[in-house]
Amino acid sequence: MRKHLSKKRVVLAAIVVVALAIASGVAYAYFTATGAGTGSATVGNSTAIVLTPTITGTLYPGGTPATVSILVKNNGGGAQRVGTITASIAPDAGHLGCTVAIGGFSMANVNVNQTLAPSGSAGDSTTVTGSLVMADTGADQNVCRGATPTLSLTSN
């Protein structure tokens, strides 16, 4: 019986195996390398919170406070935190002599302490309530009869 494997066939088979290994993309050697890169992002800006008060009730010296319902709305593109709402009261310019002190006007700070979602999302607004007071100062407050003091609100 003759041998089926001649030297030529063995060499040819080895060449075919090597060629197939190279063609299949098998890597026998490689280099290692390090790399680096940078990137940047844009950070948005805050947008003013909109405070819309609705005042119900009539003020009298020492009487029932007027209810101040305040819609607090985030019109910004990102979530924003609202802490405390502070009121500033300006007397009615048409009632000379009616000052905040004479009228006894005041409103305590209103705590919101809430993060509002971006505009257009559920949770982008909330409503809180405060009280506008006309205290009985013990002095003549007649100069403030019929006055319409202006309430200005700010938040932090």
N, C-alpha and C. Protein backbone atom coordinates (compact mmCIF):
# COMPACT_ATOMS: atom_id res chain seq x y z
N MET A 1 0.83 -1.16 0.00
CA MET A 1 0.00 0.00 0.00
C MET A 1 0.88 1.22 0.00
N ARG A 2 0.54 2.11 -0.87
CA ARG A 2 1.33 3.34 -0.99
C ARG A 2 0.87 4.36 0.03
N LYS A 3 1.76 5.17 0.45
CA LYS A 3 1.42 6.24 1.38
C LYS A 3 0.65 7.29 0.62
N HIS A 4 -0.37 7.78 1.18
CA HIS A 4 -1.18 8.82 0.55
C HIS A 4 -0.62 10.21 0.81
N LEU A 5 0.20 10.33 1.76
CA LEU A 5 0.76 11.64 2.08
C LEU A 5 2.19 11.72 1.59
N SER A 6 2.33 12.45 0.54
CA SER A 6 3.68 12.69 0.05
C SER A 6 4.17 13.99 0.62
N LYS A 7 5.46 14.28 0.48
CA LYS A 7 6.03 15.53 0.97
C LYS A 7 5.34 16.72 0.31
N LYS A 8 5.04 16.59 -0.97
CA LYS A 8 4.39 17.67 -1.69
C LYS A 8 3.02 17.98 -1.08
N ARG A 9 2.31 16.95 -0.78
CA ARG A 9 0.97 17.14 -0.21
C ARG A 9 1.04 17.76 1.19
N VAL A 10 2.00 17.40 1.96
CA VAL A 10 2.17 17.95 3.31
C VAL A 10 2.52 19.43 3.21
N VAL A 11 3.45 19.78 2.34
CA VAL A 11 3.84 21.18 2.16
C VAL A 11 2.65 21.99 1.64
N LEU A 12 1.94 21.44 0.67
CA LEU A 12 0.77 22.12 0.12
C LEU A 12 -0.29 22.33 1.20
N ALA A 13 -0.52 21.35 2.02
CA ALA A 13 -1.50 21.45 3.11
C ALA A 13 -1.08 22.53 4.11
N ALA A 14 0.20 22.62 4.43
CA ALA A 14 0.70 23.64 5.36
C ALA A 14 0.52 25.03 4.78
N ILE A 15 0.81 25.18 3.49
CA ILE A 15 0.63 26.48 2.83
C ILE A 15 -0.84 26.89 2.84
N VAL A 16 -1.71 25.97 2.58
CA VAL A 16 -3.16 26.24 2.60
C VAL A 16 -3.60 26.66 4.00
N VAL A 17 -3.15 25.99 5.03
CA VAL A 17 -3.51 26.33 6.41
C VAL A 17 -3.04 27.74 6.76
N VAL A 18 -1.81 28.09 6.40
CA VAL A 18 -1.28 29.42 6.68
C VAL A 18 -2.07 30.48 5.91
N ALA A 19 -2.35 30.23 4.65
CA ALA A 19 -3.11 31.17 3.83
C ALA A 19 -4.50 31.39 4.40
N LEU A 20 -5.15 30.34 4.83
CA LEU A 20 -6.48 30.46 5.43
C LEU A 20 -6.43 31.26 6.73
N ALA A 21 -5.41 31.05 7.52
CA ALA A 21 -5.27 31.78 8.78
C ALA A 21 -5.09 33.26 8.52
N ILE A 22 -4.29 33.62 7.52
CA ILE A 22 -4.07 35.03 7.20
C ILE A 22 -5.35 35.64 6.64
N ALA A 23 -6.02 34.93 5.76
CA ALA A 23 -7.25 35.43 5.14
C ALA A 23 -8.37 35.59 6.16
N SER A 24 -8.39 34.80 7.20
CA SER A 24 -9.46 34.89 8.20
C SER A 24 -9.27 36.04 9.17
N GLY A 25 -8.19 36.76 9.07
CA GLY A 25 -7.98 37.92 9.93
C GLY A 25 -7.43 37.59 11.29
N VAL A 26 -6.96 36.43 11.52
CA VAL A 26 -6.39 36.06 12.80
C VAL A 26 -5.12 36.87 13.00
N ALA A 27 -5.04 37.58 14.09
CA ALA A 27 -3.87 38.42 14.36
C ALA A 27 -2.87 37.63 15.17
N TYR A 28 -1.65 37.70 14.75
CA TYR A 28 -0.59 37.01 15.45
C TYR A 28 0.26 37.96 16.25
N ALA A 29 0.19 39.27 15.88
CA ALA A 29 0.96 40.28 16.60
C ALA A 29 0.17 41.57 16.58
N TYR A 30 0.41 42.42 17.58
CA TYR A 30 -0.30 43.70 17.64
C TYR A 30 0.50 44.68 18.46
N PHE A 31 0.11 45.96 18.34
CA PHE A 31 0.69 47.01 19.15
C PHE A 31 -0.34 47.45 20.17
N THR A 32 0.10 47.88 21.33
CA THR A 32 -0.80 48.51 22.29
C THR A 32 -0.57 50.01 22.22
N ALA A 33 -1.62 50.75 22.49
CA ALA A 33 -1.50 52.22 22.45
C ALA A 33 -2.41 52.82 23.50
N THR A 34 -2.08 54.00 23.94
CA THR A 34 -2.94 54.74 24.85
C THR A 34 -3.65 55.82 24.05
N GLY A 35 -4.69 56.42 24.63
CA GLY A 35 -5.42 57.46 23.93
C GLY A 35 -5.92 58.51 24.91
N ALA A 36 -6.37 59.59 24.37
CA ALA A 36 -6.93 60.67 25.18
C ALA A 36 -7.92 61.44 24.33
N GLY A 37 -8.82 62.17 24.96
CA GLY A 37 -9.79 63.00 24.24
C GLY A 37 -10.50 63.92 25.20
N THR A 38 -11.14 64.91 24.69
CA THR A 38 -11.91 65.83 25.52
C THR A 38 -13.27 66.06 24.86
N GLY A 39 -14.21 66.53 25.63
CA GLY A 39 -15.54 66.87 25.14
C GLY A 39 -16.09 67.99 25.99
N SER A 40 -17.12 68.61 25.53
CA SER A 40 -17.74 69.68 26.32
C SER A 40 -19.25 69.59 26.21
N ALA A 41 -19.92 70.15 27.19
CA ALA A 41 -21.38 70.17 27.23
C ALA A 41 -21.83 71.60 27.50
N THR A 42 -23.06 71.89 27.16
CA THR A 42 -23.63 73.21 27.42
C THR A 42 -24.57 73.12 28.61
N VAL A 43 -24.40 74.03 29.55
CA VAL A 43 -25.26 74.09 30.73
C VAL A 43 -26.24 75.24 30.52
N GLY A 44 -27.51 74.97 30.73
CA GLY A 44 -28.54 75.99 30.55
C GLY A 44 -28.51 77.03 31.65
N ASN A 45 -29.34 78.03 31.51
CA ASN A 45 -29.46 79.11 32.50
C ASN A 45 -30.80 79.00 33.22
N SER A 46 -30.86 79.59 34.37
CA SER A 46 -32.14 79.63 35.07
C SER A 46 -33.05 80.64 34.40
N THR A 47 -34.34 80.44 34.58
CA THR A 47 -35.36 81.33 34.06
C THR A 47 -36.18 81.81 35.24
N ALA A 48 -36.57 83.06 35.23
CA ALA A 48 -37.33 83.61 36.36
C ALA A 48 -38.61 82.81 36.58
N ILE A 49 -38.87 82.49 37.82
CA ILE A 49 -40.12 81.85 38.22
C ILE A 49 -41.21 82.92 38.14
N VAL A 50 -42.39 82.53 37.65
CA VAL A 50 -43.51 83.48 37.55
C VAL A 50 -44.42 83.27 38.76
N LEU A 51 -44.66 84.36 39.48
CA LEU A 51 -45.53 84.33 40.67
C LEU A 51 -46.78 85.16 40.36
N THR A 52 -47.94 84.51 40.39
CA THR A 52 -49.19 85.19 40.08
C THR A 52 -50.12 85.12 41.29
N PRO A 53 -50.26 86.25 42.01
CA PRO A 53 -51.13 86.24 43.19
C PRO A 53 -52.59 86.56 42.83
N THR A 54 -53.48 85.94 43.56
CA THR A 54 -54.91 86.28 43.51
C THR A 54 -55.32 86.57 44.94
N ILE A 55 -55.81 87.79 45.18
CA ILE A 55 -56.15 88.22 46.54
C ILE A 55 -57.66 88.26 46.69
N THR A 56 -58.16 87.57 47.72
CA THR A 56 -59.60 87.59 48.00
C THR A 56 -59.81 88.07 49.43
N GLY A 57 -60.80 88.93 49.58
CA GLY A 57 -61.12 89.48 50.89
C GLY A 57 -60.87 90.97 50.91
N THR A 58 -61.47 91.63 51.86
CA THR A 58 -61.32 93.07 52.05
C THR A 58 -60.63 93.31 53.38
N LEU A 59 -59.68 94.22 53.36
CA LEU A 59 -58.90 94.50 54.56
C LEU A 59 -59.55 95.58 55.42
N TYR A 60 -59.54 95.32 56.73
CA TYR A 60 -60.00 96.28 57.74
C TYR A 60 -58.98 96.24 58.87
N PRO A 61 -58.77 97.37 59.56
CA PRO A 61 -57.83 97.36 60.69
C PRO A 61 -58.23 96.28 61.71
N GLY A 62 -57.33 95.33 61.94
CA GLY A 62 -57.57 94.26 62.91
C GLY A 62 -58.56 93.23 62.42
N GLY A 63 -59.00 93.32 61.17
CA GLY A 63 -59.99 92.38 60.63
C GLY A 63 -59.38 91.09 60.13
N THR A 64 -60.21 90.31 59.47
CA THR A 64 -59.77 89.04 58.90
C THR A 64 -58.76 89.29 57.78
N PRO A 65 -57.66 88.58 57.77
CA PRO A 65 -56.67 88.76 56.70
C PRO A 65 -57.26 88.39 55.33
N ALA A 66 -56.77 89.01 54.28
CA ALA A 66 -57.14 88.63 52.92
C ALA A 66 -56.31 87.41 52.54
N THR A 67 -56.93 86.48 51.85
CA THR A 67 -56.24 85.27 51.39
C THR A 67 -55.50 85.59 50.09
N VAL A 68 -54.24 85.21 50.06
CA VAL A 68 -53.41 85.41 48.86
C VAL A 68 -53.05 84.03 48.32
N SER A 69 -53.69 83.67 47.21
CA SER A 69 -53.39 82.41 46.53
C SER A 69 -52.33 82.74 45.47
N ILE A 70 -51.20 82.02 45.49
CA ILE A 70 -50.09 82.34 44.60
C ILE A 70 -49.80 81.14 43.70
N LEU A 71 -49.98 81.35 42.39
CA LEU A 71 -49.59 80.34 41.41
C LEU A 71 -48.09 80.52 41.16
N VAL A 72 -47.32 79.47 41.41
CA VAL A 72 -45.87 79.50 41.23
C VAL A 72 -45.58 78.64 40.00
N LYS A 73 -45.06 79.25 38.93
CA LYS A 73 -44.88 78.55 37.65
C LYS A 73 -43.44 78.63 37.17
N ASN A 74 -42.92 77.49 36.74
CA ASN A 74 -41.58 77.42 36.16
C ASN A 74 -41.73 77.47 34.64
N ASN A 75 -41.27 78.55 34.01
CA ASN A 75 -41.30 78.67 32.56
C ASN A 75 -39.97 78.29 31.93
N GLY A 76 -39.06 77.74 32.73
CA GLY A 76 -37.72 77.39 32.25
C GLY A 76 -37.66 76.01 31.63
N GLY A 77 -36.56 75.75 30.96
CA GLY A 77 -36.33 74.48 30.29
C GLY A 77 -35.80 73.38 31.18
N GLY A 78 -35.48 73.71 32.43
CA GLY A 78 -34.96 72.71 33.37
C GLY A 78 -35.68 72.83 34.70
N ALA A 79 -35.52 71.83 35.54
CA ALA A 79 -36.12 71.85 36.87
C ALA A 79 -35.50 72.99 37.68
N GLN A 80 -36.32 73.68 38.46
CA GLN A 80 -35.84 74.80 39.28
C GLN A 80 -36.47 74.72 40.67
N ARG A 81 -35.66 75.05 41.66
CA ARG A 81 -36.09 75.00 43.06
C ARG A 81 -36.61 76.37 43.49
N VAL A 82 -37.75 76.36 44.18
CA VAL A 82 -38.31 77.59 44.75
C VAL A 82 -38.35 77.39 46.26
N GLY A 83 -37.72 78.32 46.97
CA GLY A 83 -37.65 78.22 48.42
C GLY A 83 -38.76 78.99 49.10
N THR A 84 -38.57 80.28 49.25
CA THR A 84 -39.49 81.13 50.01
C THR A 84 -39.96 82.29 49.16
N ILE A 85 -41.23 82.65 49.29
CA ILE A 85 -41.79 83.82 48.63
C ILE A 85 -41.89 84.93 49.66
N THR A 86 -41.37 86.09 49.28
CA THR A 86 -41.38 87.26 50.15
C THR A 86 -42.24 88.34 49.51
N ALA A 87 -43.03 89.01 50.33
CA ALA A 87 -43.92 90.06 49.84
C ALA A 87 -43.38 91.44 50.20
N SER A 88 -43.58 92.35 49.27
CA SER A 88 -43.30 93.76 49.50
C SER A 88 -44.61 94.49 49.20
N ILE A 89 -45.01 95.38 50.08
CA ILE A 89 -46.29 96.06 49.92
C ILE A 89 -46.03 97.54 49.69
N ALA A 90 -46.63 98.05 48.63
CA ALA A 90 -46.51 99.48 48.32
C ALA A 90 -47.86 100.13 48.56
N PRO A 91 -47.87 101.28 49.24
CA PRO A 91 -49.15 101.95 49.49
C PRO A 91 -49.75 102.49 48.20
N ASP A 92 -51.02 102.76 48.26
CA ASP A 92 -51.76 103.32 47.13
C ASP A 92 -51.35 104.78 46.94
N ALA A 93 -50.80 105.10 45.76
CA ALA A 93 -50.34 106.47 45.49
C ALA A 93 -51.48 107.48 45.54
N GLY A 94 -52.70 107.02 45.30
CA GLY A 94 -53.86 107.94 45.32
C GLY A 94 -54.32 108.30 46.72
N HIS A 95 -53.81 107.66 47.73
CA HIS A 95 -54.19 107.93 49.10
C HIS A 95 -52.98 108.48 49.85
N LEU A 96 -52.75 109.77 49.66
CA LEU A 96 -51.61 110.42 50.31
C LEU A 96 -51.70 110.24 51.82
N GLY A 97 -50.59 109.90 52.39
CA GLY A 97 -50.52 109.71 53.83
C GLY A 97 -50.73 108.27 54.25
N CYS A 98 -51.25 107.42 53.35
CA CYS A 98 -51.42 106.00 53.68
C CYS A 98 -50.11 105.30 53.39
N THR A 99 -49.41 104.96 54.43
CA THR A 99 -48.14 104.24 54.30
C THR A 99 -48.32 102.81 54.79
N VAL A 100 -47.33 102.00 54.55
CA VAL A 100 -47.38 100.62 55.02
C VAL A 100 -47.47 100.61 56.54
N ALA A 101 -46.72 101.50 57.19
CA ALA A 101 -46.71 101.55 58.66
C ALA A 101 -48.07 102.04 59.18
N ILE A 102 -48.61 103.11 58.60
CA ILE A 102 -49.90 103.62 59.08
C ILE A 102 -51.00 102.61 58.81
N GLY A 103 -50.98 102.00 57.62
CA GLY A 103 -52.00 101.01 57.28
C GLY A 103 -51.83 99.70 58.03
N GLY A 104 -50.65 99.45 58.54
CA GLY A 104 -50.40 98.20 59.26
C GLY A 104 -50.40 96.99 58.32
N PHE A 105 -50.02 97.21 57.05
CA PHE A 105 -50.05 96.13 56.06
C PHE A 105 -48.82 95.22 56.22
N SER A 106 -49.06 93.93 56.15
CA SER A 106 -47.96 92.97 56.20
C SER A 106 -48.41 91.63 55.64
N MET A 107 -47.42 90.88 55.24
CA MET A 107 -47.67 89.50 54.79
C MET A 107 -46.44 88.69 55.15
N ALA A 108 -46.66 87.61 55.87
CA ALA A 108 -45.55 86.72 56.26
C ALA A 108 -45.01 86.00 55.02
N ASN A 109 -43.73 85.62 55.09
CA ASN A 109 -43.13 84.83 54.01
C ASN A 109 -43.90 83.53 53.82
N VAL A 110 -43.96 83.08 52.58
CA VAL A 110 -44.65 81.83 52.26
C VAL A 110 -43.60 80.82 51.81
N ASN A 111 -43.53 79.70 52.51
CA ASN A 111 -42.57 78.65 52.16
C ASN A 111 -43.13 77.76 51.06
N VAL A 112 -42.36 77.60 49.98
CA VAL A 112 -42.72 76.69 48.90
C VAL A 112 -41.88 75.42 49.04
N ASN A 113 -40.55 75.59 49.14
CA ASN A 113 -39.60 74.49 49.32
C ASN A 113 -39.91 73.30 48.41
N GLN A 114 -39.91 73.59 47.11
CA GLN A 114 -40.27 72.57 46.13
C GLN A 114 -39.45 72.77 44.86
N THR A 115 -39.10 71.68 44.21
CA THR A 115 -38.45 71.74 42.90
C THR A 115 -39.53 71.53 41.85
N LEU A 116 -39.65 72.53 40.95
CA LEU A 116 -40.66 72.46 39.91
C LEU A 116 -40.06 71.87 38.64
N ALA A 117 -40.81 71.01 37.98
CA ALA A 117 -40.37 70.37 36.74
C ALA A 117 -40.23 71.41 35.63
N PRO A 118 -39.53 71.06 34.55
CA PRO A 118 -39.40 71.99 33.42
C PRO A 118 -40.77 72.38 32.85
N SER A 119 -40.83 73.55 32.24
CA SER A 119 -42.06 74.06 31.65
C SER A 119 -42.66 73.04 30.68
N GLY A 120 -43.96 72.88 30.74
CA GLY A 120 -44.65 71.94 29.85
C GLY A 120 -44.73 70.53 30.40
N SER A 121 -44.09 70.28 31.54
CA SER A 121 -44.12 68.96 32.16
C SER A 121 -45.11 68.96 33.32
N ALA A 122 -45.58 67.78 33.66
CA ALA A 122 -46.40 67.66 34.87
C ALA A 122 -45.54 68.10 36.04
N GLY A 123 -46.08 68.93 36.91
CA GLY A 123 -45.33 69.39 38.08
C GLY A 123 -44.53 70.67 37.83
N ASP A 124 -44.85 71.40 36.73
CA ASP A 124 -44.12 72.65 36.46
C ASP A 124 -44.69 73.83 37.22
N SER A 125 -45.75 73.60 38.01
CA SER A 125 -46.33 74.68 38.81
C SER A 125 -46.94 74.12 40.08
N THR A 126 -47.15 75.02 41.01
CA THR A 126 -47.82 74.67 42.26
C THR A 126 -48.54 75.92 42.75
N THR A 127 -49.47 75.76 43.65
CA THR A 127 -50.17 76.90 44.24
C THR A 127 -49.98 76.86 45.75
N VAL A 128 -49.59 78.00 46.30
CA VAL A 128 -49.41 78.14 47.75
C VAL A 128 -50.28 79.29 48.23
N THR A 129 -50.49 79.36 49.53
CA THR A 129 -51.39 80.37 50.09
C THR A 129 -50.70 81.15 51.21
N GLY A 130 -50.95 82.45 51.20
CA GLY A 130 -50.48 83.34 52.26
C GLY A 130 -51.62 84.22 52.74
N SER A 131 -51.32 85.10 53.69
CA SER A 131 -52.33 86.00 54.25
C SER A 131 -51.81 87.42 54.27
N LEU A 132 -52.60 88.33 53.71
CA LEU A 132 -52.30 89.76 53.73
C LEU A 132 -53.09 90.37 54.87
N VAL A 133 -52.39 91.09 55.74
CA VAL A 133 -53.00 91.60 56.98
C VAL A 133 -52.99 93.12 56.99
N MET A 134 -54.08 93.69 57.57
CA MET A 134 -54.10 95.11 57.93
C MET A 134 -54.29 95.13 59.44
N ALA A 135 -53.18 95.33 60.12
CA ALA A 135 -53.21 95.29 61.58
C ALA A 135 -53.86 96.55 62.14
N ASP A 136 -54.39 96.42 63.32
CA ASP A 136 -54.90 97.58 64.06
C ASP A 136 -53.69 98.19 64.76
N THR A 137 -53.23 99.33 64.26
CA THR A 137 -52.01 99.95 64.79
C THR A 137 -52.26 100.74 66.06
N GLY A 138 -53.53 100.94 66.40
CA GLY A 138 -53.86 101.75 67.58
C GLY A 138 -53.87 103.24 67.26
N ALA A 139 -53.59 103.58 66.02
CA ALA A 139 -53.60 104.98 65.58
C ALA A 139 -54.70 105.14 64.52
N ASP A 140 -54.98 106.38 64.16
CA ASP A 140 -55.98 106.68 63.13
C ASP A 140 -55.50 106.15 61.78
N GLN A 141 -56.26 105.26 61.18
CA GLN A 141 -55.92 104.68 59.88
C GLN A 141 -56.88 105.15 58.78
N ASN A 142 -57.60 106.22 59.04
CA ASN A 142 -58.59 106.73 58.08
C ASN A 142 -57.97 107.08 56.72
N VAL A 143 -56.71 107.50 56.67
CA VAL A 143 -56.09 107.87 55.40
C VAL A 143 -55.97 106.67 54.46
N CYS A 144 -56.15 105.47 54.96
CA CYS A 144 -56.04 104.26 54.13
C CYS A 144 -57.40 103.71 53.70
N ARG A 145 -58.52 104.38 54.09
CA ARG A 145 -59.84 103.90 53.67
C ARG A 145 -59.93 103.91 52.15
N GLY A 146 -60.38 102.79 51.58
CA GLY A 146 -60.57 102.69 50.12
C GLY A 146 -59.27 102.53 49.33
N ALA A 147 -58.14 102.41 50.00
CA ALA A 147 -56.85 102.27 49.33
C ALA A 147 -56.72 100.89 48.67
N THR A 148 -55.87 100.80 47.69
CA THR A 148 -55.58 99.53 47.05
C THR A 148 -54.06 99.31 47.05
N PRO A 149 -53.52 98.86 48.17
CA PRO A 149 -52.07 98.63 48.22
C PRO A 149 -51.66 97.56 47.21
N THR A 150 -50.46 97.71 46.69
CA THR A 150 -49.93 96.76 45.68
C THR A 150 -48.99 95.77 46.36
N LEU A 151 -49.22 94.51 46.03
CA LEU A 151 -48.41 93.43 46.59
C LEU A 151 -47.42 92.98 45.52
N SER A 152 -46.13 93.05 45.83
CA SER A 152 -45.09 92.58 44.91
C SER A 152 -44.41 91.37 45.57
N LEU A 153 -44.27 90.30 44.78
CA LEU A 153 -43.73 89.06 45.31
C LEU A 153 -42.39 88.73 44.65
N THR A 154 -41.49 88.17 45.44
CA THR A 154 -40.21 87.67 44.93
C THR A 154 -39.98 86.29 45.55
N SER A 155 -39.19 85.49 44.85
CA SER A 155 -38.87 84.16 45.39
C SER A 155 -37.37 83.96 45.34
N ASN A 156 -36.89 83.04 46.16
CA ASN A 156 -35.47 82.68 46.15
C ASN A 156 -35.33 81.19 45.98
